[in-house]
């Protein structure tokens, strides 16, 4: 499941690093973290379920909220594809 987190703009990479460390240390089921320059103030996380997604952001600085529903892969697919110049 993919979840979008609202984070402080400009802090996306820092938050991704913090979340990665927290997931590894706490054994939280997270498969991927996506930071895109086209998504200022947002971070996409692939987590096993809603509970894991919410547990991951507890007490992490610069995380403002998690969107209330998982997002479909189709909505972020274009962020993952390379496009010819």
PDB file of N, CA and C in Angstrom:
ATOM      1  N   UNK A   1       0.844  -1.173   0.000  1.00  0.00           N
ATOM      2  CA  UNK A   1       0.000   0.000   0.000  1.00  0.00           C
ATOM      3  C   UNK A   1       0.891   1.238   0.000  1.00  0.00           C
ATOM      4  N   UNK A   2       0.484   2.232  -0.764  1.00  0.00           N
ATOM      5  CA  UNK A   2       1.235   3.478  -0.853  1.00  0.00           C
ATOM      6  C   UNK A   2       0.545   4.570  -0.054  1.00  0.00           C
ATOM      7  N   UNK A   3       1.335   5.291   0.729  1.00  0.00           N
ATOM      8  CA  UNK A   3       0.814   6.370   1.558  1.00  0.00           C
ATOM      9  C   UNK A   3       1.607   7.635   1.281  1.00  0.00           C
ATOM     10  N   UNK A   4       0.929   8.768   1.307  1.00  0.00           N
ATOM     11  CA  UNK A   4       1.589  10.060   1.135  1.00  0.00           C
ATOM     12  C   UNK A   4       1.660  10.755   2.483  1.00  0.00           C
ATOM     13  N   UNK A   5       2.841  11.212   2.835  1.00  0.00           N
ATOM     14  CA  UNK A   5       3.051  11.969   4.060  1.00  0.00           C
ATOM     15  C   UNK A   5       3.269  13.419   3.697  1.00  0.00           C
ATOM     16  N   UNK A   6       2.646  14.307   4.432  1.00  0.00           N
ATOM     17  CA  UNK A   6       2.884  15.747   4.281  1.00  0.00           C
ATOM     18  C   UNK A   6       4.028  16.084   5.224  1.00  0.00           C
ATOM     19  N   UNK A   7       5.095  16.645   4.659  1.00  0.00           N
ATOM     20  CA  UNK A   7       6.278  16.981   5.453  1.00  0.00           C
ATOM     21  C   UNK A   7       6.662  18.436   5.207  1.00  0.00           C
ATOM     22  N   UNK A   8       7.540  18.954   6.037  1.00  0.00           N
ATOM     23  CA  UNK A   8       8.030  20.312   5.858  1.00  0.00           C
ATOM     24  C   UNK A   8       8.771  20.397   4.526  1.00  0.00           C
ATOM     25  N   UNK A   9       8.393  21.362   3.684  1.00  0.00           N
ATOM     26  CA  UNK A   9       9.029  21.525   2.377  1.00  0.00           C
ATOM     27  C   UNK A   9      10.524  21.752   2.551  1.00  0.00           C
ATOM     28  N   UNK A  10      11.303  21.066   1.746  1.00  0.00           N
ATOM     29  CA  UNK A  10      12.750  21.164   1.825  1.00  0.00           C
ATOM     30  C   UNK A  10      13.379  20.150   2.763  1.00  0.00           C
ATOM     31  N   UNK A  11      12.565  19.442   3.522  1.00  0.00           N
ATOM     32  CA  UNK A  11      13.058  18.461   4.491  1.00  0.00           C
ATOM     33  C   UNK A  11      12.743  17.028   4.063  1.00  0.00           C
ATOM     34  N   UNK A  12      12.299  16.838   2.835  1.00  0.00           N
ATOM     35  CA  UNK A  12      11.852  15.521   2.378  1.00  0.00           C
ATOM     36  C   UNK A  12      12.940  14.448   2.516  1.00  0.00           C
ATOM     37  N   UNK A  13      14.155  14.746   2.081  1.00  0.00           N
ATOM     38  CA  UNK A  13      15.242  13.757   2.148  1.00  0.00           C
ATOM     39  C   UNK A  13      15.639  13.449   3.586  1.00  0.00           C
ATOM     40  N   UNK A  14      15.663  14.464   4.414  1.00  0.00           N
ATOM     41  CA  UNK A  14      16.001  14.262   5.828  1.00  0.00           C
ATOM     42  C   UNK A  14      14.961  13.367   6.492  1.00  0.00           C
ATOM     43  N   UNK A  15      13.691  13.636   6.223  1.00  0.00           N
ATOM     44  CA  UNK A  15      12.616  12.820   6.797  1.00  0.00           C
ATOM     45  C   UNK A  15      12.714  11.387   6.282  1.00  0.00           C
ATOM     46  N   UNK A  16      12.999  11.213   4.997  1.00  0.00           N
ATOM     47  CA  UNK A  16      13.136   9.866   4.435  1.00  0.00           C
ATOM     48  C   UNK A  16      14.245   9.095   5.153  1.00  0.00           C
ATOM     49  N   UNK A  17      15.368   9.752   5.418  1.00  0.00           N
ATOM     50  CA  UNK A  17      16.461   9.098   6.150  1.00  0.00           C
ATOM     51  C   UNK A  17      16.032   8.709   7.564  1.00  0.00           C
ATOM     52  N   UNK A  18      15.340   9.617   8.242  1.00  0.00           N
ATOM     53  CA  UNK A  18      14.855   9.320   9.598  1.00  0.00           C
ATOM     54  C   UNK A  18      13.882   8.140   9.595  1.00  0.00           C
ATOM     55  N   UNK A  19      12.979   8.126   8.612  1.00  0.00           N
ATOM     56  CA  UNK A  19      11.990   7.046   8.538  1.00  0.00           C
ATOM     57  C   UNK A  19      12.649   5.711   8.214  1.00  0.00           C
ATOM     58  N   UNK A  20      13.650   5.738   7.336  1.00  0.00           N
ATOM     59  CA  UNK A  20      14.359   4.498   7.009  1.00  0.00           C
ATOM     60  C   UNK A  20      15.029   3.920   8.254  1.00  0.00           C
ATOM     61  N   UNK A  21      15.704   4.767   9.009  1.00  0.00           N
ATOM     62  CA  UNK A  21      16.373   4.304  10.229  1.00  0.00           C
ATOM     63  C   UNK A  21      15.369   3.776  11.247  1.00  0.00           C
ATOM     64  N   UNK A  22      14.244   4.480  11.388  1.00  0.00           N
ATOM     65  CA  UNK A  22      13.225   4.055  12.347  1.00  0.00           C
ATOM     66  C   UNK A  22      12.622   2.715  11.934  1.00  0.00           C
ATOM     67  N   UNK A  23      12.367   2.535  10.638  1.00  0.00           N
ATOM     68  CA  UNK A  23      11.785   1.282  10.151  1.00  0.00           C
ATOM     69  C   UNK A  23      12.737   0.115  10.394  1.00  0.00           C
ATOM     70  N   UNK A  24      14.011   0.319  10.094  1.00  0.00           N
ATOM     71  CA  UNK A  24      14.999  -0.752  10.310  1.00  0.00           C
ATOM     72  C   UNK A  24      15.131  -1.097  11.798  1.00  0.00           C
ATOM     73  N   UNK A  25      15.266  -0.079  12.610  1.00  0.00           N
ATOM     74  CA  UNK A  25      15.469  -0.291  14.049  1.00  0.00           C
ATOM     75  C   UNK A  25      14.239  -0.903  14.713  1.00  0.00           C
ATOM     76  N   UNK A  26      13.052  -0.439  14.311  1.00  0.00           N
ATOM     77  CA  UNK A  26      11.828  -0.888  14.950  1.00  0.00           C
ATOM     78  C   UNK A  26      11.148  -2.070  14.294  1.00  0.00           C
ATOM     79  N   UNK A  27      11.723  -2.564  13.198  1.00  0.00           N
ATOM     80  CA  UNK A  27      11.120  -3.696  12.502  1.00  0.00           C
ATOM     81  C   UNK A  27       9.764  -3.371  11.897  1.00  0.00           C
ATOM     82  N   UNK A  28       9.588  -2.119  11.474  1.00  0.00           N
ATOM     83  CA  UNK A  28       8.320  -1.694  10.869  1.00  0.00           C
ATOM     84  C   UNK A  28       8.335  -2.083   9.393  1.00  0.00           C
ATOM     85  N   UNK A  29       7.248  -2.688   8.938  1.00  0.00           N
ATOM     86  CA  UNK A  29       7.164  -3.208   7.570  1.00  0.00           C
ATOM     87  C   UNK A  29       7.015  -2.086   6.544  1.00  0.00           C
ATOM     88  N   UNK A  30       8.162  -1.602   6.041  1.00  0.00           N
ATOM     89  CA  UNK A  30       8.193  -0.572   5.006  1.00  0.00           C
ATOM     90  C   UNK A  30       9.033  -1.107   3.859  1.00  0.00           C
ATOM     91  N   UNK A  31       8.473  -1.045   2.636  1.00  0.00           N
ATOM     92  CA  UNK A  31       9.179  -1.577   1.478  1.00  0.00           C
ATOM     93  C   UNK A  31       9.944  -0.523   0.704  1.00  0.00           C
ATOM     94  N   UNK A  32       9.436   0.715   0.665  1.00  0.00           N
ATOM     95  CA  UNK A  32      10.082   1.751  -0.143  1.00  0.00           C
ATOM     96  C   UNK A  32       9.720   3.140   0.361  1.00  0.00           C
ATOM     97  N   UNK A  33      10.641   4.077   0.109  1.00  0.00           N
ATOM     98  CA  UNK A  33      10.425   5.498   0.385  1.00  0.00           C
ATOM     99  C   UNK A  33      10.738   6.240  -0.905  1.00  0.00           C
ATOM    100  N   UNK A  34       9.865   7.155  -1.310  1.00  0.00           N
ATOM    101  CA  UNK A  34      10.060   7.905  -2.551  1.00  0.00           C
ATOM    102  C   UNK A  34      10.077   9.392  -2.260  1.00  0.00           C
ATOM    103  N   UNK A  35      11.186  10.037  -2.628  1.00  0.00           N
ATOM    104  CA  UNK A  35      11.305  11.487  -2.553  1.00  0.00           C
ATOM    105  C   UNK A  35      11.441  11.968  -3.986  1.00  0.00           C
ATOM    106  N   UNK A  36      10.572  12.879  -4.396  1.00  0.00           N
ATOM    107  CA  UNK A  36      10.613  13.414  -5.758  1.00  0.00           C
ATOM    108  C   UNK A  36      10.648  14.933  -5.708  1.00  0.00           C
ATOM    109  N   UNK A  37      11.525  15.551  -6.503  1.00  0.00           N
ATOM    110  CA  UNK A  37      11.549  17.019  -6.543  1.00  0.00           C
ATOM    111  C   UNK A  37      10.243  17.606  -7.074  1.00  0.00           C
ATOM    112  N   UNK A  38       9.455  16.791  -7.755  1.00  0.00           N
ATOM    113  CA  UNK A  38       8.171  17.260  -8.287  1.00  0.00           C
ATOM    114  C   UNK A  38       7.066  17.218  -7.238  1.00  0.00           C
ATOM    115  N   UNK A  39       7.348  16.676  -6.066  1.00  0.00           N
ATOM    116  CA  UNK A  39       6.360  16.588  -4.984  1.00  0.00           C
ATOM    117  C   UNK A  39       6.855  17.344  -3.758  1.00  0.00           C
ATOM    118  N   UNK A  40       7.034  18.632  -3.878  1.00  0.00           N
ATOM    119  CA  UNK A  40       7.517  19.438  -2.745  1.00  0.00           C
ATOM    120  C   UNK A  40       6.582  19.278  -1.552  1.00  0.00           C
ATOM    121  N   UNK A  41       7.161  18.959  -0.416  1.00  0.00           N
ATOM    122  CA  UNK A  41       6.382  18.850   0.806  1.00  0.00           C
ATOM    123  C   UNK A  41       5.686  17.515   1.000  1.00  0.00           C
ATOM    124  N   UNK A  42       5.996  16.537   0.137  1.00  0.00           N
ATOM    125  CA  UNK A  42       5.384  15.213   0.269  1.00  0.00           C
ATOM    126  C   UNK A  42       6.434  14.121   0.158  1.00  0.00           C
ATOM    127  N   UNK A  43       6.146  13.000   0.783  1.00  0.00           N
ATOM    128  CA  UNK A  43       6.984  11.819   0.753  1.00  0.00           C
ATOM    129  C   UNK A  43       6.047  10.637   0.555  1.00  0.00           C
ATOM    130  N   UNK A  44       6.382   9.749  -0.369  1.00  0.00           N
ATOM    131  CA  UNK A  44       5.559   8.568  -0.623  1.00  0.00           C
ATOM    132  C   UNK A  44       6.226   7.369   0.047  1.00  0.00           C
ATOM    133  N   UNK A  45       5.427   6.588   0.766  1.00  0.00           N
ATOM    134  CA  UNK A  45       5.937   5.424   1.485  1.00  0.00           C
ATOM    135  C   UNK A  45       5.116   4.200   1.105  1.00  0.00           C
ATOM    136  N   UNK A  46       5.811   3.111   0.793  1.00  0.00           N
ATOM    137  CA  UNK A  46       5.133   1.838   0.574  1.00  0.00           C
ATOM    138  C   UNK A  46       5.251   1.044   1.871  1.00  0.00           C
ATOM    139  N   UNK A  47       4.122   0.853   2.525  1.00  0.00           N
ATOM    140  CA  UNK A  47       4.086   0.134   3.804  1.00  0.00           C
ATOM    141  C   UNK A  47       3.117  -1.036   3.697  1.00  0.00           C
ATOM    142  N   UNK A  48       3.275  -1.996   4.578  1.00  0.00           N
ATOM    143  CA  UNK A  48       2.444  -3.196   4.548  1.00  0.00           C
ATOM    144  C   UNK A  48       0.972  -2.890   4.807  1.00  0.00           C
ATOM    145  N   UNK A  49       0.714  -1.920   5.688  1.00  0.00           N
ATOM    146  CA  UNK A  49      -0.671  -1.596   6.027  1.00  0.00           C
ATOM    147  C   UNK A  49      -0.739  -0.212   6.667  1.00  0.00           C
ATOM    148  N   UNK A  50      -1.950   0.229   6.940  1.00  0.00           N
ATOM    149  CA  UNK A  50      -2.182   1.550   7.520  1.00  0.00           C
ATOM    150  C   UNK A  50      -1.523   1.691   8.895  1.00  0.00           C
ATOM    151  N   UNK A  51      -1.583   0.640   9.686  1.00  0.00           N
ATOM    152  CA  UNK A  51      -0.989   0.691  11.028  1.00  0.00           C
ATOM    153  C   UNK A  51       0.519   0.913  10.954  1.00  0.00           C
ATOM    154  N   UNK A  52       1.184   0.235  10.041  1.00  0.00           N
ATOM    155  CA  UNK A  52       2.630   0.425   9.866  1.00  0.00           C
ATOM    156  C   UNK A  52       2.944   1.837   9.403  1.00  0.00           C
ATOM    157  N   UNK A  53       2.131   2.361   8.497  1.00  0.00           N
ATOM    158  CA  UNK A  53       2.341   3.717   7.982  1.00  0.00           C
ATOM    159  C   UNK A  53       2.216   4.745   9.095  1.00  0.00           C
ATOM    160  N   UNK A  54       1.247   4.573   9.962  1.00  0.00           N
ATOM    161  CA  UNK A  54       1.052   5.526  11.061  1.00  0.00           C
ATOM    162  C   UNK A  54       2.098   5.346  12.166  1.00  0.00           C
ATOM    163  N   UNK A  55       2.464   4.103  12.446  1.00  0.00           N
ATOM    164  CA  UNK A  55       3.493   3.838  13.459  1.00  0.00           C
ATOM    165  C   UNK A  55       4.820   4.469  13.038  1.00  0.00           C
ATOM    166  N   UNK A  56       5.103   4.430  11.755  1.00  0.00           N
ATOM    167  CA  UNK A  56       6.364   4.946  11.240  1.00  0.00           C
ATOM    168  C   UNK A  56       6.542   6.435  11.513  1.00  0.00           C
ATOM    169  N   UNK A  57       5.469   7.223  11.439  1.00  0.00           N
ATOM    170  CA  UNK A  57       5.619   8.678  11.576  1.00  0.00           C
ATOM    171  C   UNK A  57       5.484   9.187  13.008  1.00  0.00           C
ATOM    172  N   UNK A  58       5.180   8.308  13.941  1.00  0.00           N
ATOM    173  CA  UNK A  58       5.028   8.732  15.332  1.00  0.00           C
ATOM    174  C   UNK A  58       6.324   9.342  15.854  1.00  0.00           C
ATOM    175  N   UNK A  59       6.229  10.580  16.340  1.00  0.00           N
ATOM    176  CA  UNK A  59       7.362  11.305  16.938  1.00  0.00           C
ATOM    177  C   UNK A  59       8.533  11.552  15.987  1.00  0.00           C
ATOM    178  N   UNK A  60       8.254  11.663  14.689  1.00  0.00           N
ATOM    179  CA  UNK A  60       9.306  11.996  13.723  1.00  0.00           C
ATOM    180  C   UNK A  60       9.178  13.474  13.376  1.00  0.00           C
ATOM    181  N   UNK A  61      10.260  14.247  13.560  1.00  0.00           N
ATOM    182  CA  UNK A  61      10.187  15.674  13.255  1.00  0.00           C
ATOM    183  C   UNK A  61       9.942  15.932  11.775  1.00  0.00           C
ATOM    184  N   UNK A  62       9.302  17.038  11.480  1.00  0.00           N
ATOM    185  CA  UNK A  62       9.013  17.528  10.129  1.00  0.00           C
ATOM    186  C   UNK A  62       7.883  16.780   9.423  1.00  0.00           C
ATOM    187  N   UNK A  63       7.290  15.758  10.053  1.00  0.00           N
ATOM    188  CA  UNK A  63       6.139  15.083   9.456  1.00  0.00           C
ATOM    189  C   UNK A  63       4.892  15.758   9.994  1.00  0.00           C
ATOM    190  N   UNK A  64       4.084  16.288   9.076  1.00  0.00           N
ATOM    191  CA  UNK A  64       2.880  17.008   9.489  1.00  0.00           C
ATOM    192  C   UNK A  64       1.668  16.092   9.554  1.00  0.00           C
ATOM    193  N   UNK A  65       1.530  15.194   8.571  1.00  0.00           N
ATOM    194  CA  UNK A  65       0.370  14.298   8.555  1.00  0.00           C
ATOM    195  C   UNK A  65       0.567  13.204   7.517  1.00  0.00           C
ATOM    196  N   UNK A  66      -0.312  12.216   7.582  1.00  0.00           N
ATOM    197  CA  UNK A  66      -0.381  11.181   6.555  1.00  0.00           C
ATOM    198  C   UNK A  66      -1.757  11.320   5.921  1.00  0.00           C
ATOM    199  N   UNK A  67      -1.822  11.227   4.592  1.00  0.00           N
ATOM    200  CA  UNK A  67      -3.124  11.321   3.939  1.00  0.00           C
ATOM    201  C   UNK A  67      -3.998  10.175   4.417  1.00  0.00           C
ATOM    202  N   UNK A  68      -5.277  10.418   4.509  1.00  0.00           N
ATOM    203  CA  UNK A  68      -6.194   9.495   5.177  1.00  0.00           C
ATOM    204  C   UNK A  68      -6.430   8.178   4.450  1.00  0.00           C
ATOM    205  N   UNK A  69      -6.078   8.109   3.183  1.00  0.00           N
ATOM    206  CA  UNK A  69      -6.308   6.861   2.443  1.00  0.00           C
ATOM    207  C   UNK A  69      -5.060   6.507   1.643  1.00  0.00           C
ATOM    208  N   UNK A  70      -4.871   5.213   1.369  1.00  0.00           N
ATOM    209  CA  UNK A  70      -3.757   4.826   0.501  1.00  0.00           C
ATOM    210  C   UNK A  70      -3.954   5.438  -0.889  1.00  0.00           C
ATOM    211  N   UNK A  71      -2.856   5.683  -1.586  1.00  0.00           N
ATOM    212  CA  UNK A  71      -2.973   6.246  -2.925  1.00  0.00           C
ATOM    213  C   UNK A  71      -2.728   5.154  -3.957  1.00  0.00           C
ATOM    214  N   UNK A  72      -3.484   5.177  -5.055  1.00  0.00           N
ATOM    215  CA  UNK A  72      -3.285   4.174  -6.100  1.00  0.00           C
ATOM    216  C   UNK A  72      -1.928   4.357  -6.781  1.00  0.00           C
ATOM    217  N   UNK A  73      -1.327   3.263  -7.176  1.00  0.00           N
ATOM    218  CA  UNK A  73      -0.035   3.295  -7.857  1.00  0.00           C
ATOM    219  C   UNK A  73      -0.087   4.169  -9.107  1.00  0.00           C
ATOM    220  N   UNK A  74      -1.206   4.160  -9.807  1.00  0.00           N
ATOM    221  CA  UNK A  74      -1.346   4.926 -11.042  1.00  0.00           C
ATOM    222  C   UNK A  74      -1.116   6.422 -10.822  1.00  0.00           C
ATOM    223  N   UNK A  75      -1.410   6.908  -9.614  1.00  0.00           N
ATOM    224  CA  UNK A  75      -1.242   8.332  -9.329  1.00  0.00           C
ATOM    225  C   UNK A  75       0.223   8.743  -9.211  1.00  0.00           C
ATOM    226  N   UNK A  76       1.104   7.809  -8.910  1.00  0.00           N
ATOM    227  CA  UNK A  76       2.519   8.168  -8.795  1.00  0.00           C
ATOM    228  C   UNK A  76       3.378   7.517  -9.874  1.00  0.00           C
ATOM    229  N   UNK A  77       2.772   6.735 -10.724  1.00  0.00           N
ATOM    230  CA  UNK A  77       3.513   5.999 -11.748  1.00  0.00           C
ATOM    231  C   UNK A  77       4.410   6.916 -12.575  1.00  0.00           C
ATOM    232  N   UNK A  78       3.910   8.073 -12.951  1.00  0.00           N
ATOM    233  CA  UNK A  78       4.700   8.979 -13.788  1.00  0.00           C
ATOM    234  C   UNK A  78       5.948   9.494 -13.070  1.00  0.00           C
ATOM    235  N   UNK A  79       5.949   9.473 -11.755  1.00  0.00           N
ATOM    236  CA  UNK A  79       7.127   9.903 -11.006  1.00  0.00           C
ATOM    237  C   UNK A  79       8.243   8.869 -11.070  1.00  0.00           C
ATOM    238  N   UNK A  80       7.901   7.634 -11.420  1.00  0.00           N
ATOM    239  CA  UNK A  80       8.869   6.548 -11.441  1.00  0.00           C
ATOM    240  C   UNK A  80       9.423   6.270 -12.827  1.00  0.00           C
ATOM    241  N   UNK A  81       8.754   6.733 -13.852  1.00  0.00           N
ATOM    242  CA  UNK A  81       9.180   6.459 -15.214  1.00  0.00           C
ATOM    243  C   UNK A  81      10.175   7.505 -15.695  1.00  0.00           C
ATOM    244  N   UNK A  82      11.215   7.038 -16.382  1.00  0.00           N
ATOM    245  CA  UNK A  82      12.129   7.996 -16.995  1.00  0.00           C
ATOM    246  C   UNK A  82      11.545   8.395 -18.345  1.00  0.00           C
ATOM    247  N   UNK A  83      11.692   9.655 -18.671  1.00  0.00           N
ATOM    248  CA  UNK A  83      11.145  10.168 -19.923  1.00  0.00           C
ATOM    249  C   UNK A  83      12.292  10.642 -20.800  1.00  0.00           C
ATOM    250  N   UNK A  84      12.210  10.359 -22.110  1.00  0.00           N
ATOM    251  CA  UNK A  84      13.276  10.806 -23.015  1.00  0.00           C
ATOM    252  C   UNK A  84      13.384  12.326 -23.019  1.00  0.00           C
ATOM    253  N   UNK A  85      14.604  12.821 -23.137  1.00  0.00           N
ATOM    254  CA  UNK A  85      14.832  14.275 -23.150  1.00  0.00           C
ATOM    255  C   UNK A  85      14.552  14.852 -24.516  1.00  0.00           C
TER     256      UNK A  85
END
